[in-house]
Amino acid sequence: MSTPLDTASAAADLETLVRRLAEEALTASRALATTPTETKNAVLHTLAGLIEQRAEVLRAANSRDIAAAHEAGLALPMIDRLKLTEPRLAGMIDGVRQVAALPDPVGAILHTYEHPKGFVIRKKRVPIGVIGIIYESRPNVTIDCAALCLKSGNAVVLRGGKEAFHSNTALAELVAEALRRHGVTEHAVRFIPTTDRAALGVLLKLDQFIHCLIPRGGEGLVRFVAENARMPVLKHYDGVCSMYVDPSADRAMATEVVVNAKAQRPSVCNAAENLVIHASALSSHLPQIAKALAENKVELRADEQAQAALQAAGIACTAATEQDFRTEYLDYIISIKTVDSVDEAITFINTHGSGHSDAILAEDPAVAQQFLDGIDSATVYWNVSTRFTDGFEFGLGAEIGISTDRLHARGPVGLEELTSYKFVITGKGQIR
């Protein structure tokens, strides 16, 4: 049993460790800001190759995490997030190579102004500096964040969840090896090698070393970080995403898109949680959509009008509560809300959603445009599944997360969103 002195000593050691990693990252960031694009790309290509070559090692580490998750009784959707399946490893490799293929944002001139006095003012894109990433479950985040931060010239401090500790450690070792092979300091990507929760509290106070924090995980984690961090936080709150079915929607297409948005992978933030349907489409569209959802093992929770339509069609459902419409299930459950107009759909989604991803299924372009203009979310879709809200799918190579903030970055956070800018002024002795 630990004595109070032992506990205090352990806390001091942990604080020293986290502080050292952050300080090393700050030093590395200054060198990384001017590292040539060719060197950064070479590191990324090497990293992609290492993931490919060490797939068995990664799967073995991942198996330890999966076994521990089952033993701890984690929910199946959470365990699904942990898995490094062959397609996910392939996606990780493709993502790293795609980041390497993208233009380097660092050094881009955003605006040029020639002053009347004859000197020139240029607005130049630069790295943010040191970014802290706090994340849960998904081990692919380790690689996505390392790749994006490296290419955008930022050092990064990674704090993964204990449920993926072995997977994250194995992946971080590959990143360090890729950096070393090309003469880039491995301090550019620092992984905090402990499952001690107290490490997070230390990290949140290190604003002298870390310029921005990005939490990826449940709402509880994001709110804790936002409320306790001393540095700016780029937030990704819940993914309460909605699909609105207009009476003008093609039934077959609407059915296929809704089922994909909900059931293709329900444990992710861009999966649909609410089905909003026009009252005029209750008898024409809802039975076909609901039947297809039920065939995909999706539980239906409906408001009174939708319940009546489903019962008339012989489709099982339960009553939805007000809280259901605000819930990110991350499971095979969907809530169904009836509205009388596209305006009511917009109001409902803006009130109950999380500003992540929302879609309209409609053939009427005027109604669709009204929806796209009126929905206050990071991404809005017309006849497309919300499952596409993803950095890779948006051509960003990968993403740090999906920002539901309004300032600095919104939606998938890729290379450009990981940069800031500075003004560079050149002249010939002008004075004011």
Protein backbone atom coordinates (compact mmCIF):
# COMPACT_ATOMS: atom_id res chain seq x y z
CA MET A 1 0.00 0.00 0.00
CA SER A 2 1.37 3.42 -0.95
CA THR A 3 2.16 5.92 1.77
CA PRO A 4 1.27 9.61 1.31
CA LEU A 5 4.95 10.27 0.64
CA ASP A 6 5.02 7.60 -2.07
CA THR A 7 1.91 9.09 -3.67
CA ALA A 8 3.39 12.59 -3.65
CA SER A 9 6.61 11.29 -5.17
CA ALA A 10 4.73 9.47 -7.95
CA ALA A 11 2.73 12.63 -8.73
CA ALA A 12 5.93 14.66 -8.92
CA ASP A 13 7.51 12.11 -11.23
CA LEU A 14 4.45 12.14 -13.50
CA GLU A 15 4.43 15.93 -13.65
CA THR A 16 8.13 15.94 -14.50
CA LEU A 17 7.57 13.40 -17.28
CA VAL A 18 4.68 15.22 -18.96
CA ARG A 19 6.36 18.59 -18.61
CA ARG A 20 9.58 17.24 -20.16
CA LEU A 21 7.72 15.76 -23.14
CA ALA A 22 5.89 19.05 -23.76
CA GLU A 23 9.09 21.08 -23.46
CA GLU A 24 10.87 18.75 -25.88
CA ALA A 25 7.97 19.14 -28.32
CA LEU A 26 8.25 22.94 -28.14
CA THR A 27 11.95 22.80 -29.00
CA ALA A 28 11.23 20.36 -31.82
CA SER A 29 8.45 22.58 -33.20
CA ARG A 30 10.89 25.39 -33.92
CA ALA A 31 13.03 23.15 -36.10
CA LEU A 32 10.03 21.46 -37.68
CA ALA A 33 8.56 24.81 -38.78
CA THR A 34 11.37 25.15 -41.32
CA THR A 35 11.82 21.48 -42.22
CA PRO A 36 11.67 21.05 -46.04
CA THR A 37 8.54 19.56 -47.54
CA GLU A 38 10.60 16.80 -49.14
CA THR A 39 11.88 15.65 -45.74
CA LYS A 40 8.42 15.67 -44.19
CA ASN A 41 7.03 13.67 -47.10
CA ALA A 42 9.88 11.16 -46.88
CA VAL A 43 9.07 10.56 -43.20
CA LEU A 44 5.43 9.99 -44.09
CA HIS A 45 6.20 7.51 -46.85
CA THR A 46 8.52 5.63 -44.52
CA LEU A 47 5.83 5.59 -41.84
CA ALA A 48 3.28 4.17 -44.28
CA GLY A 49 5.76 1.44 -45.22
CA LEU A 50 6.47 0.60 -41.58
CA ILE A 51 2.77 0.21 -40.80
CA GLU A 52 2.50 -2.15 -43.75
CA GLN A 53 5.61 -4.15 -42.76
CA ARG A 54 4.75 -4.35 -39.04
CA ALA A 55 1.06 -5.18 -39.41
CA GLU A 56 1.40 -8.40 -37.39
CA VAL A 57 3.15 -6.59 -34.54
CA LEU A 58 0.40 -3.97 -34.51
CA ARG A 59 -2.34 -6.60 -34.53
CA ALA A 60 -0.68 -8.40 -31.62
CA ALA A 61 -0.61 -5.19 -29.57
CA ASN A 62 -4.19 -4.47 -30.57
CA SER A 63 -5.27 -7.97 -29.47
CA ARG A 64 -4.06 -7.18 -25.95
CA ASP A 65 -6.24 -4.07 -25.89
CA ILE A 66 -9.28 -5.94 -27.27
CA ALA A 67 -8.90 -8.72 -24.70
CA ALA A 68 -8.64 -6.17 -21.88
CA ALA A 69 -11.69 -4.32 -23.21
CA HIS A 70 -13.80 -7.49 -23.17
CA GLU A 71 -12.56 -8.30 -19.66
CA ALA A 72 -13.47 -4.79 -18.50
CA GLY A 73 -16.97 -5.14 -19.98
CA LEU A 74 -16.72 -2.30 -22.49
CA ALA A 75 -19.74 -1.90 -24.76
CA LEU A 76 -19.48 -3.57 -28.16
CA PRO A 77 -19.54 -0.26 -30.10
CA MET A 78 -16.58 0.94 -28.00
CA ILE A 79 -14.72 -2.29 -28.67
CA ASP A 80 -15.43 -1.88 -32.37
CA ARG A 81 -13.68 1.51 -32.25
CA LEU A 82 -10.60 -0.14 -30.79
CA LYS A 83 -10.10 -2.73 -33.52
CA LEU A 84 -7.22 -2.46 -35.98
CA THR A 85 -8.78 -4.57 -38.68
CA GLU A 86 -7.07 -5.17 -42.01
CA PRO A 87 -9.26 -2.58 -43.81
CA ARG A 88 -8.56 -0.02 -41.07
CA LEU A 89 -4.82 -0.61 -41.27
CA ALA A 90 -5.06 -0.22 -45.05
CA GLY A 91 -7.03 2.99 -44.58
CA MET A 92 -4.41 4.27 -42.15
CA ILE A 93 -1.64 3.59 -44.69
CA ASP A 94 -3.62 5.24 -47.51
CA GLY A 95 -4.31 8.24 -45.28
CA VAL A 96 -0.63 8.78 -44.51
CA ARG A 97 0.28 8.54 -48.19
CA GLN A 98 -2.51 10.91 -49.12
CA VAL A 99 -1.25 13.46 -46.58
CA ALA A 100 2.22 13.15 -48.16
CA ALA A 101 0.71 13.82 -51.60
CA LEU A 102 -1.11 16.98 -50.49
CA PRO A 103 0.40 20.44 -50.96
CA ASP A 104 2.39 21.68 -47.97
CA PRO A 105 0.39 24.55 -46.44
CA VAL A 106 3.40 26.03 -44.65
CA GLY A 107 4.77 29.12 -46.36
CA ALA A 108 1.76 29.73 -48.59
CA ILE A 109 1.08 33.44 -49.16
CA LEU A 110 -2.54 34.17 -48.31
CA HIS A 111 -2.60 37.86 -49.19
CA THR A 112 -0.21 40.51 -50.49
CA TYR A 113 -0.58 44.27 -50.02
CA GLU A 114 1.75 46.94 -51.38
CA HIS A 115 1.76 49.89 -49.05
CA PRO A 116 1.71 53.42 -50.55
CA LYS A 117 5.15 53.96 -48.97
CA GLY A 118 6.53 51.18 -51.18
CA PHE A 119 7.03 48.29 -48.76
CA VAL A 120 5.19 44.99 -49.19
CA ILE A 121 3.05 43.22 -46.59
CA ARG A 122 2.53 39.49 -47.05
CA LYS A 123 0.23 37.30 -44.98
CA LYS A 124 2.01 33.96 -44.72
CA ARG A 125 0.72 30.59 -43.50
CA VAL A 126 2.75 29.15 -40.59
CA PRO A 127 2.38 26.22 -38.16
CA ILE A 128 0.49 26.72 -34.90
CA GLY A 129 3.47 25.32 -32.96
CA VAL A 130 2.75 22.52 -30.47
CA ILE A 131 -0.60 20.78 -30.52
CA GLY A 132 -1.84 18.50 -27.76
CA ILE A 133 -4.21 15.72 -28.78
CA ILE A 134 -6.30 13.98 -26.12
CA TYR A 135 -8.24 11.03 -27.46
CA GLU A 136 -10.09 7.86 -26.55
CA SER A 137 -10.52 4.45 -28.13
CA ARG A 138 -9.48 4.71 -31.77
CA PRO A 139 -5.77 3.90 -32.20
CA ASN A 140 -5.77 5.20 -35.79
CA VAL A 141 -5.88 8.70 -34.26
CA THR A 142 -2.23 8.25 -33.25
CA ILE A 143 -1.19 7.97 -36.89
CA ASP A 144 -3.68 10.48 -38.32
CA CYS A 145 -2.57 13.16 -35.87
CA ALA A 146 1.14 12.44 -36.22
CA ALA A 147 0.91 12.61 -40.03
CA LEU A 148 -1.13 15.80 -40.18
CA CYS A 149 0.86 17.62 -37.52
CA LEU A 150 4.18 16.65 -39.13
CA LYS A 151 3.10 17.78 -42.62
CA SER A 152 1.73 21.08 -41.26
CA GLY A 153 4.98 21.74 -39.38
CA ASN A 154 3.59 21.24 -35.88
CA ALA A 155 5.04 19.19 -33.05
CA VAL A 156 2.42 17.11 -31.24
CA VAL A 157 1.94 15.64 -27.78
CA LEU A 158 -0.37 12.62 -27.86
CA ARG A 159 -2.41 11.48 -24.87
CA GLY A 160 -4.35 8.34 -25.81
CA GLY A 161 -6.92 6.45 -23.75
CA LYS A 162 -5.91 3.54 -21.54
CA GLU A 163 -8.20 1.18 -23.50
CA ALA A 164 -5.89 1.49 -26.56
CA PHE A 165 -2.59 1.88 -24.73
CA HIS A 166 -0.74 -1.07 -26.28
CA SER A 167 -1.92 -0.23 -29.81
CA ASN A 168 -1.03 3.45 -29.43
CA THR A 169 2.40 2.63 -28.00
CA ALA A 170 3.22 0.32 -30.91
CA LEU A 171 2.08 2.92 -33.45
CA ALA A 172 4.00 5.74 -31.73
CA GLU A 173 7.17 3.62 -31.91
CA LEU A 174 6.77 3.38 -35.68
CA VAL A 175 6.39 7.16 -35.93
CA ALA A 176 9.58 7.66 -33.89
CA GLU A 177 11.45 5.21 -36.12
CA ALA A 178 10.29 6.98 -39.30
CA LEU A 179 11.44 10.34 -37.90
CA ARG A 180 14.86 9.00 -36.91
CA ARG A 181 15.47 7.47 -40.33
CA HIS A 182 15.27 10.92 -41.92
CA GLY A 183 17.16 12.88 -39.31
CA VAL A 184 14.08 14.57 -37.83
CA THR A 185 13.99 14.68 -34.03
CA GLU A 186 11.57 12.14 -32.58
CA HIS A 187 10.61 14.83 -30.08
CA ALA A 188 8.39 16.20 -32.86
CA VAL A 189 5.84 13.51 -31.93
CA ARG A 190 5.68 12.80 -28.19
CA PHE A 191 3.41 10.04 -26.85
CA ILE A 192 2.71 10.16 -23.11
CA PRO A 193 3.63 6.61 -22.01
CA THR A 194 1.30 6.14 -19.05
CA THR A 195 -2.32 5.22 -18.36
CA ASP A 196 -2.38 7.39 -15.23
CA ARG A 197 -5.33 9.76 -15.51
CA ALA A 198 -3.43 12.43 -13.62
CA ALA A 199 -1.30 12.99 -16.73
CA LEU A 200 -4.23 14.78 -18.33
CA GLY A 201 -4.46 17.27 -15.48
CA VAL A 202 -0.77 18.08 -15.87
CA LEU A 203 -1.08 18.49 -19.64
CA LEU A 204 -3.94 20.99 -19.33
CA LYS A 205 -1.74 23.40 -17.38
CA LEU A 206 1.23 23.50 -19.77
CA ASP A 207 0.20 26.53 -21.81
CA GLN A 208 3.80 27.76 -21.87
CA PHE A 209 4.67 24.78 -24.10
CA ILE A 210 1.42 23.75 -25.81
CA HIS A 211 -0.40 26.23 -28.04
CA CYS A 212 -3.63 24.38 -28.77
CA LEU A 213 -5.46 21.31 -27.43
CA ILE A 214 -7.77 19.09 -29.43
CA PRO A 215 -9.82 16.56 -27.43
CA ARG A 216 -11.38 13.61 -29.28
CA GLY A 217 -13.81 11.48 -27.34
CA GLY A 218 -17.09 11.60 -25.46
CA GLU A 219 -18.79 14.83 -24.46
CA GLY A 220 -17.61 14.40 -20.86
CA LEU A 221 -13.96 14.41 -21.92
CA VAL A 222 -14.39 17.36 -24.29
CA ARG A 223 -16.19 19.48 -21.69
CA PHE A 224 -13.64 18.62 -19.01
CA VAL A 225 -10.79 19.69 -21.28
CA ALA A 226 -12.57 22.86 -22.41
CA GLU A 227 -13.34 23.88 -18.81
CA ASN A 228 -9.90 23.13 -17.38
CA ALA A 229 -7.34 23.86 -20.10
CA ARG A 230 -5.22 27.00 -19.91
CA MET A 231 -4.65 27.05 -23.67
CA PRO A 232 -7.17 27.34 -26.56
CA VAL A 233 -9.22 24.19 -27.21
CA LEU A 234 -10.56 23.11 -30.59
CA LYS A 235 -13.69 21.18 -29.66
CA HIS A 236 -15.49 18.19 -31.13
CA TYR A 237 -18.72 17.69 -29.21
CA ASP A 238 -21.31 14.96 -29.81
CA GLY A 239 -22.30 13.81 -33.26
CA VAL A 240 -26.09 14.08 -32.99
CA CYS A 241 -26.64 13.91 -36.76
CA SER A 242 -30.03 14.02 -38.47
CA MET A 243 -31.49 12.90 -41.80
CA TYR A 244 -34.54 14.86 -43.02
CA VAL A 245 -36.82 13.09 -45.51
CA ASP A 246 -38.87 15.49 -47.65
CA PRO A 247 -42.02 14.29 -49.49
CA SER A 248 -40.21 14.94 -52.77
CA ALA A 249 -37.45 12.41 -51.93
CA ASP A 250 -36.96 9.37 -54.12
CA ARG A 251 -38.06 6.52 -51.83
CA ALA A 252 -35.49 3.95 -52.89
CA MET A 253 -32.64 6.43 -52.72
CA ALA A 254 -33.82 7.83 -49.37
CA THR A 255 -34.04 4.34 -47.91
CA GLU A 256 -30.55 3.40 -49.02
CA VAL A 257 -28.98 6.64 -47.76
CA VAL A 258 -30.73 6.56 -44.35
CA VAL A 259 -29.76 2.93 -43.76
CA ASN A 260 -26.16 3.70 -44.68
CA ALA A 261 -26.07 6.77 -42.42
CA LYS A 262 -27.39 4.80 -39.45
CA ALA A 263 -26.33 1.18 -39.82
CA GLN A 264 -23.13 1.08 -41.89
CA ARG A 265 -21.08 1.85 -38.75
CA PRO A 266 -23.24 3.17 -35.91
CA SER A 267 -20.40 3.61 -33.40
CA VAL A 268 -18.92 6.70 -35.10
CA CYS A 269 -19.70 10.40 -34.72
CA ASN A 270 -21.02 10.89 -38.27
CA ALA A 271 -23.67 8.17 -38.01
CA ALA A 272 -27.28 9.38 -38.04
CA GLU A 273 -29.11 9.43 -34.71
CA ASN A 274 -32.35 11.17 -35.75
CA LEU A 275 -34.66 10.54 -38.69
CA VAL A 276 -36.76 13.66 -39.29
CA ILE A 277 -39.65 13.11 -41.68
CA HIS A 278 -42.33 15.32 -43.21
CA ALA A 279 -45.87 14.40 -42.15
CA SER A 280 -46.80 14.02 -45.83
CA ALA A 281 -44.14 11.31 -46.18
CA LEU A 282 -45.28 9.19 -43.22
CA SER A 283 -47.33 6.78 -45.30
CA SER A 284 -45.37 7.03 -48.54
CA HIS A 285 -41.76 6.88 -47.31
CA LEU A 286 -41.52 5.90 -43.65
CA PRO A 287 -42.66 2.24 -43.84
CA GLN A 288 -40.08 1.36 -46.50
CA ILE A 289 -37.28 3.19 -44.66
CA ALA A 290 -38.26 1.79 -41.26
CA LYS A 291 -38.53 -1.76 -42.58
CA ALA A 292 -35.02 -1.53 -44.04
CA LEU A 293 -33.69 -0.12 -40.77
CA ALA A 294 -35.36 -2.92 -38.78
CA GLU A 295 -33.85 -5.49 -41.15
CA ASN A 296 -30.47 -4.01 -40.22
CA LYS A 297 -31.29 -4.55 -36.52
CA VAL A 298 -31.92 -0.87 -35.80
CA GLU A 299 -34.26 -0.13 -32.89
CA LEU A 300 -36.89 2.49 -33.78
CA ARG A 301 -38.00 5.14 -31.27
CA ALA A 302 -40.74 7.31 -32.72
CA ASP A 303 -42.92 10.28 -31.83
CA GLU A 304 -46.70 9.83 -31.69
CA GLN A 305 -47.42 10.49 -35.38
CA ALA A 306 -44.60 8.28 -36.61
CA GLN A 307 -45.61 5.54 -34.16
CA ALA A 308 -49.12 5.47 -35.61
CA ALA A 309 -47.77 5.19 -39.17
CA LEU A 310 -45.38 2.41 -38.20
CA GLN A 311 -48.00 0.47 -36.28
CA ALA A 312 -50.36 0.72 -39.26
CA ALA A 313 -47.60 -0.80 -41.38
CA GLY A 314 -46.99 -3.55 -38.82
CA ILE A 315 -43.51 -2.31 -37.88
CA ALA A 316 -42.41 -2.49 -34.24
CA CYS A 317 -41.25 0.67 -32.47
CA THR A 318 -41.20 2.30 -29.05
CA ALA A 319 -42.08 5.83 -27.94
CA ALA A 320 -39.33 8.43 -28.25
CA THR A 321 -38.64 10.83 -25.40
CA GLU A 322 -37.45 14.41 -25.70
CA GLN A 323 -34.04 13.28 -24.46
CA ASP A 324 -33.82 10.64 -27.22
CA PHE A 325 -33.72 13.38 -29.85
CA ARG A 326 -30.64 14.91 -28.15
CA THR A 327 -28.79 11.61 -27.67
CA GLU A 328 -25.73 10.35 -29.51
CA TYR A 329 -26.52 6.63 -29.32
CA LEU A 330 -23.45 5.28 -31.14
CA ASP A 331 -25.53 2.14 -31.42
CA TYR A 332 -28.26 0.49 -33.51
CA ILE A 333 -30.95 2.95 -32.36
CA ILE A 334 -32.61 5.82 -34.21
CA SER A 335 -35.22 8.38 -33.12
CA ILE A 336 -37.96 9.44 -35.53
CA LYS A 337 -39.48 12.95 -35.46
CA THR A 338 -42.42 14.16 -37.57
CA VAL A 339 -42.51 17.75 -38.88
CA ASP A 340 -44.96 19.70 -41.03
CA SER A 341 -42.46 21.72 -43.08
CA VAL A 342 -38.81 22.10 -43.97
CA ASP A 343 -38.76 25.17 -41.70
CA GLU A 344 -39.86 23.01 -38.78
CA ALA A 345 -37.21 20.42 -39.70
CA ILE A 346 -34.52 23.11 -39.69
CA THR A 347 -35.65 24.44 -36.30
CA PHE A 348 -35.79 20.94 -34.82
CA ILE A 349 -32.31 19.99 -36.06
CA ASN A 350 -30.73 23.28 -35.01
CA THR A 351 -32.29 22.88 -31.55
CA HIS A 352 -31.62 19.19 -30.92
CA GLY A 353 -28.51 18.51 -33.00
CA SER A 354 -24.87 19.12 -32.18
CA GLY A 355 -23.83 21.09 -35.27
CA HIS A 356 -21.89 18.16 -36.70
CA SER A 357 -23.46 16.68 -39.88
CA ASP A 358 -27.05 16.85 -41.14
CA ALA A 359 -28.67 15.85 -44.42
CA ILE A 360 -31.80 16.38 -46.51
CA LEU A 361 -33.20 13.78 -48.85
CA ALA A 362 -35.25 15.60 -51.49
CA GLU A 363 -35.73 16.04 -55.22
CA ASP A 364 -37.10 19.58 -54.86
CA PRO A 365 -34.04 21.89 -55.29
CA ALA A 366 -35.73 24.89 -53.66
CA VAL A 367 -36.50 22.91 -50.50
CA ALA A 368 -33.01 21.42 -50.50
CA GLN A 369 -31.39 24.84 -50.79
CA GLN A 370 -33.56 26.18 -47.97
CA PHE A 371 -32.35 23.32 -45.79
CA LEU A 372 -28.66 23.74 -46.73
CA ASP A 373 -28.83 27.48 -45.99
CA GLY A 374 -30.80 27.12 -42.77
CA ILE A 375 -28.96 24.31 -40.98
CA ASP A 376 -26.29 25.61 -38.61
CA SER A 377 -23.86 22.68 -38.79
CA ALA A 378 -20.26 22.11 -39.81
CA THR A 379 -21.34 19.91 -42.74
CA VAL A 380 -24.68 19.78 -44.53
CA TYR A 381 -25.67 17.25 -47.20
CA TRP A 382 -28.20 16.95 -49.99
CA ASN A 383 -28.96 13.35 -50.99
CA VAL A 384 -25.68 12.10 -49.48
CA SER A 385 -25.03 10.02 -46.35
CA THR A 386 -23.59 11.83 -43.32
CA ARG A 387 -21.03 9.01 -43.11
CA PHE A 388 -18.84 11.00 -45.51
CA THR A 389 -17.89 13.59 -42.87
CA ASP A 390 -14.31 12.44 -42.66
CA GLY A 391 -10.98 13.99 -43.55
CA PHE A 392 -10.01 11.15 -45.87
CA GLU A 393 -13.34 11.34 -47.73
CA PHE A 394 -13.00 15.13 -48.01
CA GLY A 395 -9.62 14.77 -49.69
CA LEU A 396 -7.71 15.98 -46.62
CA GLY A 397 -5.74 12.74 -46.26
CA ALA A 398 -6.91 12.33 -42.69
CA GLU A 399 -8.23 14.56 -39.95
CA ILE A 400 -7.45 15.53 -36.39
CA GLY A 401 -11.17 15.54 -35.65
CA ILE A 402 -14.46 17.11 -36.67
CA SER A 403 -14.66 20.56 -35.14
CA THR A 404 -18.11 21.75 -34.06
CA ASP A 405 -16.60 25.11 -33.07
CA ARG A 406 -17.20 28.24 -35.14
CA LEU A 407 -13.86 29.98 -34.70
CA HIS A 408 -10.62 29.05 -36.48
CA ALA A 409 -11.78 25.67 -37.83
CA ARG A 410 -15.09 23.95 -38.50
CA GLY A 411 -15.75 20.44 -39.80
CA PRO A 412 -12.90 18.04 -40.61
CA VAL A 413 -9.64 19.50 -39.30
CA GLY A 414 -6.91 18.91 -41.87
CA LEU A 415 -3.61 20.51 -42.83
CA GLU A 416 -4.79 24.07 -43.41
CA GLU A 417 -6.80 24.08 -40.17
CA LEU A 418 -3.60 23.19 -38.29
CA THR A 419 -1.89 26.40 -39.38
CA SER A 420 -2.02 30.04 -38.36
CA TYR A 421 -0.41 32.98 -40.14
CA LYS A 422 1.98 35.83 -39.64
CA PHE A 423 2.59 39.07 -41.52
CA VAL A 424 5.94 39.44 -43.25
CA ILE A 425 6.85 43.01 -44.22
CA THR A 426 9.75 43.83 -46.55
CA GLY A 427 10.94 47.27 -47.60
CA LYS A 428 13.90 49.59 -48.25
CA GLY A 429 14.18 51.76 -45.14
CA GLN A 430 10.67 53.21 -45.06
CA ILE A 431 9.72 55.06 -41.86
CA ARG A 432 6.42 56.39 -40.55
